[in-house]
Amino acid sequence: MKKAIDHILEGREKKITEEDVVIQPLPHQNFRFANPFIVLHHMRPVVIKPGQTSRIHPHPHRGFSPYTIMLQGEGYHRDNAGNDKVIKAGDVQQMFAGRGILHSEGPTEEMLKQGGTQELIQLWINAPKAHKWDEPFYQAATQDQQPQVLQSDGLNFRLLSGEYEDKTGPIKNFTPVISIVCEISAGKAAHFTATPGYWTLLYIIHGDVVVNDTVVSAHNLIVFSKENEDISVTAATDAQILYLSAEPIEELVAAKDNFVMNTPEENEQAIADYKNGLFGSLSF
């Protein structure tokens, strides 16, 4: 049976640095979290001029995983656990912050030198309470390492994490998290089968689509009812979407600044730990 649409959340502009503005449909004033999905930020296509300077300076995280999907351009990641990586268009990366980490990110030096277009999505994927104090780690996967699913004419779907159609995405999580980047040509249709009881979301990156008979435009996030399993998507124009589905984490969520813990007191402790230098240091 078709899944009902519970919410359509319009993405709104949010300033995350003095220079950087993203579209944020989650969290939303009408809907807080779909735990483990805490935040969805879409950095729309930004033209970088040759010689421009741009980066997000070192900042702390604890208790969750920032998960970056590079749509255009290329970006670097550096953290004080020793990871120093580059991901390019189509690639993904996930850094588990665990007990605490500092990292910096932004366009690569090569891209800043030559110029180009940068676009990405970043999700915050929560970790269960039992793992929030684990050691941080980093993982990444190129586009070629992502299995194709729901293959058909006019469809290009890449499985980034989780299991779908007996295939497994390269990015691992503590709990089941399915993420698929989907490109659908105008007039073509796709049919998803979600696991009943899971949170299931659909973000429209570009284009206009009809989802279970409802017209939805770009920069809107659909939150489905947990009941039933069928989702149909027909592209009115060439479209790109992000399909997300995950087993709920039935625990308290407290999110503040760059931290996602279970209680406000734990967040205040994280803020104090950062101010007191317990997160260590990172040169840039």
Protein backbone atom coordinates (compact mmCIF):
# COMPACT_ATOMS: atom_id res chain seq x y z
CA MET A 1 0.00 0.00 0.00
CA LYS A 2 1.05 3.59 -0.64
CA LYS A 3 2.74 5.50 2.14
CA ALA A 4 0.91 8.63 3.25
CA ILE A 5 2.73 11.97 3.22
CA ASP A 6 2.74 13.40 6.74
CA HIS A 7 4.77 16.56 6.08
CA ILE A 8 6.15 18.58 3.18
CA LEU A 9 8.84 20.80 4.71
CA GLU A 10 9.97 23.79 2.69
CA GLY A 11 13.71 24.37 2.83
CA ARG A 12 14.63 27.82 4.10
CA GLU A 13 17.87 29.73 3.86
CA LYS A 14 20.19 29.44 6.84
CA LYS A 15 23.49 31.27 7.24
CA ILE A 16 26.09 28.84 8.60
CA THR A 17 29.14 31.13 8.26
CA GLU A 18 29.66 34.75 7.25
CA GLU A 19 29.99 33.60 3.63
CA ASP A 20 27.98 30.37 3.41
CA VAL A 21 24.21 30.02 3.10
CA VAL A 22 22.43 26.68 2.85
CA ILE A 23 18.87 25.49 2.34
CA GLN A 24 17.61 23.77 5.52
CA PRO A 25 14.38 21.74 5.46
CA LEU A 26 15.34 19.76 8.58
CA PRO A 27 14.97 20.62 11.39
CA HIS A 28 11.88 22.69 10.59
CA GLN A 29 9.50 24.75 12.69
CA ASN A 30 6.78 22.21 11.84
CA PHE A 31 8.88 19.08 12.38
CA ARG A 32 11.96 18.61 14.53
CA PHE A 33 13.76 15.30 13.91
CA ALA A 34 13.34 11.95 12.20
CA ASN A 35 15.94 10.35 14.47
CA PRO A 36 18.59 9.35 13.25
CA PHE A 37 18.09 12.15 10.65
CA ILE A 38 18.80 15.34 12.60
CA VAL A 39 19.85 17.95 10.01
CA LEU A 40 19.69 18.27 6.22
CA HIS A 41 21.63 21.11 4.61
CA HIS A 42 21.71 21.69 0.86
CA MET A 43 24.45 24.01 -0.34
CA ARG A 44 23.06 25.07 -3.67
CA PRO A 45 25.34 25.49 -6.73
CA VAL A 46 27.91 28.17 -5.92
CA VAL A 47 30.22 29.56 -8.60
CA ILE A 48 33.76 29.81 -7.25
CA LYS A 49 35.93 32.35 -9.05
CA PRO A 50 39.60 31.52 -9.71
CA GLY A 51 41.70 32.76 -6.81
CA GLN A 52 38.78 32.93 -4.38
CA THR A 53 39.28 31.89 -0.75
CA SER A 54 36.61 29.81 0.97
CA ARG A 55 36.54 27.27 3.76
CA ILE A 56 34.78 26.38 6.98
CA HIS A 57 37.39 26.72 9.70
CA PRO A 58 38.05 24.06 12.37
CA HIS A 59 35.03 23.39 14.54
CA PRO A 60 34.03 20.64 16.98
CA HIS A 61 31.45 17.84 16.86
CA ARG A 62 30.35 15.13 19.29
CA GLY A 63 27.78 12.35 19.27
CA PHE A 64 26.83 12.02 15.58
CA SER A 65 28.14 11.75 11.99
CA PRO A 66 28.28 14.61 9.48
CA TYR A 67 27.59 12.89 6.13
CA THR A 68 28.52 14.79 2.95
CA ILE A 69 27.21 14.02 -0.53
CA MET A 70 29.20 15.94 -3.17
CA LEU A 71 26.95 16.82 -6.10
CA GLN A 72 29.26 19.17 -8.02
CA GLY A 73 32.85 20.28 -7.60
CA GLU A 74 35.21 18.83 -5.04
CA GLY A 75 35.82 19.32 -1.35
CA TYR A 76 38.44 18.54 1.26
CA HIS A 77 38.07 17.16 4.76
CA ARG A 78 40.69 17.40 7.49
CA ASP A 79 40.36 16.42 11.14
CA ASN A 80 42.52 16.03 14.22
CA ALA A 81 42.14 12.26 14.16
CA GLY A 82 44.59 12.31 11.23
CA ASN A 83 42.22 12.13 8.26
CA ASP A 84 42.99 14.37 5.27
CA LYS A 85 40.84 13.51 2.25
CA VAL A 86 39.30 14.89 -0.95
CA ILE A 87 35.92 13.93 -2.37
CA LYS A 88 34.79 14.81 -5.90
CA ALA A 89 31.43 15.06 -7.65
CA GLY A 90 29.45 11.86 -7.00
CA ASP A 91 31.56 10.86 -3.99
CA VAL A 92 30.41 10.66 -0.37
CA GLN A 93 32.09 10.86 3.03
CA GLN A 94 31.02 10.32 6.61
CA MET A 95 32.94 11.36 9.71
CA PHE A 96 31.82 9.82 12.99
CA ALA A 97 32.56 12.44 15.63
CA GLY A 98 32.09 10.08 18.57
CA ARG A 99 33.48 11.40 21.85
CA GLY A 100 34.77 14.51 20.11
CA ILE A 101 36.65 15.72 17.04
CA LEU A 102 37.73 18.91 15.29
CA HIS A 103 37.47 19.16 11.51
CA SER A 104 37.63 21.69 8.70
CA GLU A 105 36.07 21.48 5.25
CA GLY A 106 35.52 23.40 2.04
CA PRO A 107 36.48 23.55 -1.63
CA THR A 108 39.90 22.08 -2.44
CA GLU A 109 42.90 24.30 -3.10
CA GLU A 110 42.83 23.15 -6.73
CA MET A 111 39.21 24.21 -7.12
CA LEU A 112 39.85 27.57 -5.48
CA LYS A 113 42.76 28.08 -7.85
CA GLN A 114 40.95 27.11 -11.04
CA GLY A 115 37.36 28.02 -10.17
CA GLY A 116 34.22 25.98 -10.78
CA THR A 117 30.80 25.13 -9.36
CA GLN A 118 30.37 23.62 -5.91
CA GLU A 119 27.19 21.90 -4.66
CA LEU A 120 26.66 19.45 -1.82
CA ILE A 121 24.28 18.02 0.72
CA GLN A 122 25.27 17.43 4.30
CA LEU A 123 23.23 15.29 6.68
CA TRP A 124 23.69 14.86 10.40
CA ILE A 125 23.19 11.17 11.21
CA ASN A 126 22.65 10.51 14.89
CA ALA A 127 24.42 7.74 16.80
CA PRO A 128 22.75 5.63 19.48
CA LYS A 129 23.55 6.54 23.07
CA ALA A 130 25.62 3.36 23.43
CA HIS A 131 28.08 4.60 20.75
CA LYS A 132 28.24 8.36 21.33
CA TRP A 133 31.50 8.06 23.27
CA ASP A 134 33.24 5.71 20.81
CA GLU A 135 36.45 6.65 19.02
CA PRO A 136 35.94 8.92 15.97
CA PHE A 137 36.47 7.45 12.50
CA TYR A 138 36.18 8.49 8.85
CA GLN A 139 34.92 6.72 5.75
CA ALA A 140 34.44 7.71 2.11
CA ALA A 141 33.34 6.14 -1.17
CA THR A 142 33.77 7.19 -4.78
CA GLN A 143 30.88 7.18 -7.23
CA ASP A 144 32.23 3.96 -8.79
CA GLN A 145 31.97 2.19 -5.42
CA GLN A 146 28.23 2.91 -5.11
CA PRO A 147 25.99 0.11 -6.45
CA GLN A 148 23.28 0.93 -8.99
CA VAL A 149 19.72 0.13 -7.85
CA LEU A 150 16.26 0.38 -9.46
CA GLN A 151 17.88 0.32 -12.88
CA SER A 152 15.65 1.35 -15.76
CA ASP A 153 15.67 3.66 -18.77
CA GLY A 154 15.89 7.27 -17.61
CA LEU A 155 16.85 6.36 -14.04
CA ASN A 156 20.30 6.64 -12.43
CA PHE A 157 20.13 5.59 -8.78
CA ARG A 158 23.22 5.11 -6.59
CA LEU A 159 23.07 3.34 -3.23
CA LEU A 160 25.32 5.20 -0.78
CA SER A 161 24.51 3.36 2.43
CA GLY A 162 22.31 0.57 3.73
CA GLU A 163 20.75 -2.35 1.89
CA TYR A 164 18.39 -2.20 -1.07
CA GLU A 165 17.59 -4.81 -3.76
CA ASP A 166 20.05 -7.22 -2.11
CA LYS A 167 22.86 -4.70 -2.60
CA THR A 168 24.83 -2.90 0.12
CA GLY A 169 26.04 0.68 0.01
CA PRO A 170 29.66 1.41 1.01
CA ILE A 171 28.96 3.80 3.92
CA LYS A 172 28.33 2.01 7.24
CA ASN A 173 26.22 3.16 10.19
CA PHE A 174 25.51 1.88 13.70
CA THR A 175 21.84 1.38 12.79
CA PRO A 176 20.28 0.70 9.36
CA VAL A 177 20.36 3.89 7.25
CA ILE A 178 19.48 3.68 3.54
CA SER A 179 20.50 6.62 1.35
CA ILE A 180 20.11 6.76 -2.43
CA VAL A 181 20.92 9.62 -4.81
CA CYS A 182 18.45 9.49 -7.68
CA GLU A 183 18.39 11.14 -11.10
CA ILE A 184 15.12 10.78 -13.02
CA SER A 185 14.58 11.99 -16.59
CA ALA A 186 11.44 13.97 -17.36
CA GLY A 187 8.42 11.71 -17.85
CA LYS A 188 10.03 8.69 -16.19
CA ALA A 189 8.81 7.04 -13.00
CA ALA A 190 10.42 5.17 -10.11
CA HIS A 191 8.89 3.00 -7.42
CA PHE A 192 10.47 2.62 -3.98
CA THR A 193 9.65 -0.04 -1.41
CA ALA A 194 10.30 1.21 2.12
CA THR A 195 10.46 -0.86 5.29
CA PRO A 196 7.27 -0.32 7.36
CA GLY A 197 8.11 1.23 10.72
CA TYR A 198 11.17 3.08 9.38
CA TRP A 199 11.45 6.83 8.98
CA THR A 200 11.35 7.53 5.24
CA LEU A 201 12.15 10.91 3.70
CA LEU A 202 12.51 12.27 0.17
CA TYR A 203 14.35 15.51 -0.58
CA ILE A 204 13.87 17.16 -3.97
CA ILE A 205 17.29 18.52 -4.94
CA HIS A 206 16.34 19.75 -8.41
CA GLY A 207 13.25 19.62 -10.61
CA ASP A 208 9.56 18.96 -10.11
CA VAL A 209 8.12 15.55 -9.27
CA VAL A 210 4.82 13.89 -8.48
CA VAL A 211 5.09 11.77 -5.33
CA ASN A 212 2.15 9.45 -4.63
CA ASP A 213 -0.13 11.85 -6.60
CA THR A 214 1.21 15.00 -4.87
CA VAL A 215 3.19 17.59 -6.84
CA VAL A 216 6.40 18.59 -5.04
CA SER A 217 9.01 21.09 -6.22
CA ALA A 218 12.72 21.53 -5.53
CA HIS A 219 14.04 22.21 -2.00
CA ASN A 220 11.12 20.50 -0.28
CA LEU A 221 11.54 17.54 2.07
CA ILE A 222 8.80 14.93 2.29
CA VAL A 223 8.33 13.03 5.55
CA PHE A 224 6.22 9.92 5.08
CA SER A 225 4.06 8.04 7.56
CA LYS A 226 5.84 5.02 9.01
CA GLU A 227 3.00 2.73 7.89
CA ASN A 228 2.91 0.91 4.52
CA GLU A 229 5.75 0.66 2.02
CA ASP A 230 5.04 1.91 -1.53
CA ILE A 231 6.30 5.24 -2.90
CA SER A 232 5.97 6.27 -6.55
CA VAL A 233 7.90 9.21 -8.01
CA THR A 234 7.27 10.59 -11.51
CA ALA A 235 9.47 13.38 -12.84
CA ALA A 236 7.62 16.30 -14.44
CA THR A 237 11.02 17.74 -15.38
CA ASP A 238 14.51 16.27 -15.19
CA ALA A 239 14.92 15.79 -11.45
CA GLN A 240 17.44 14.83 -8.81
CA ILE A 241 16.23 13.54 -5.45
CA LEU A 242 17.64 12.03 -2.26
CA TYR A 243 15.85 9.02 -0.79
CA LEU A 244 16.41 8.36 2.92
CA SER A 245 15.05 5.59 5.10
CA ALA A 246 16.22 4.43 8.51
CA GLU A 247 15.35 2.41 11.54
CA PRO A 248 14.20 4.88 14.22
CA ILE A 249 16.45 5.49 17.20
CA GLU A 250 13.94 5.65 20.05
CA GLU A 251 15.99 7.81 22.39
CA LEU A 252 15.92 11.40 23.60
CA VAL A 253 17.61 13.90 21.30
CA ALA A 254 19.27 17.12 22.44
CA ALA A 255 20.96 19.13 19.69
CA LYS A 256 22.79 22.40 20.25
CA ASP A 257 25.48 24.19 18.25
CA ASN A 258 27.64 21.42 16.75
CA PHE A 259 26.64 18.66 19.15
CA VAL A 260 23.94 15.97 19.18
CA MET A 261 23.58 14.26 22.54
CA ASN A 262 20.74 12.84 24.65
CA THR A 263 20.35 15.62 27.22
CA PRO A 264 20.89 19.40 27.33
CA GLU A 265 23.41 18.86 30.14
CA GLU A 266 25.56 16.70 27.83
CA ASN A 267 25.57 19.46 25.23
CA GLU A 268 26.60 22.04 27.81
CA GLN A 269 29.39 19.70 28.86
CA ALA A 270 30.52 19.42 25.22
CA ILE A 271 30.56 23.21 24.87
CA ALA A 272 32.61 23.50 28.07
CA ASP A 273 34.99 20.75 26.96
CA TYR A 274 35.61 22.56 23.67
CA LYS A 275 36.22 25.89 25.40
CA ASN A 276 38.64 24.17 27.79
CA GLY A 277 40.66 22.67 24.93
CA LEU A 278 39.65 19.05 25.50
CA PHE A 279 38.86 18.58 21.80
CA GLY A 280 42.51 19.18 20.94
CA SER A 281 43.67 21.39 18.08
CA LEU A 282 43.73 21.52 14.27
CA SER A 283 45.96 23.81 12.25
CA PHE A 284 43.37 24.76 9.59
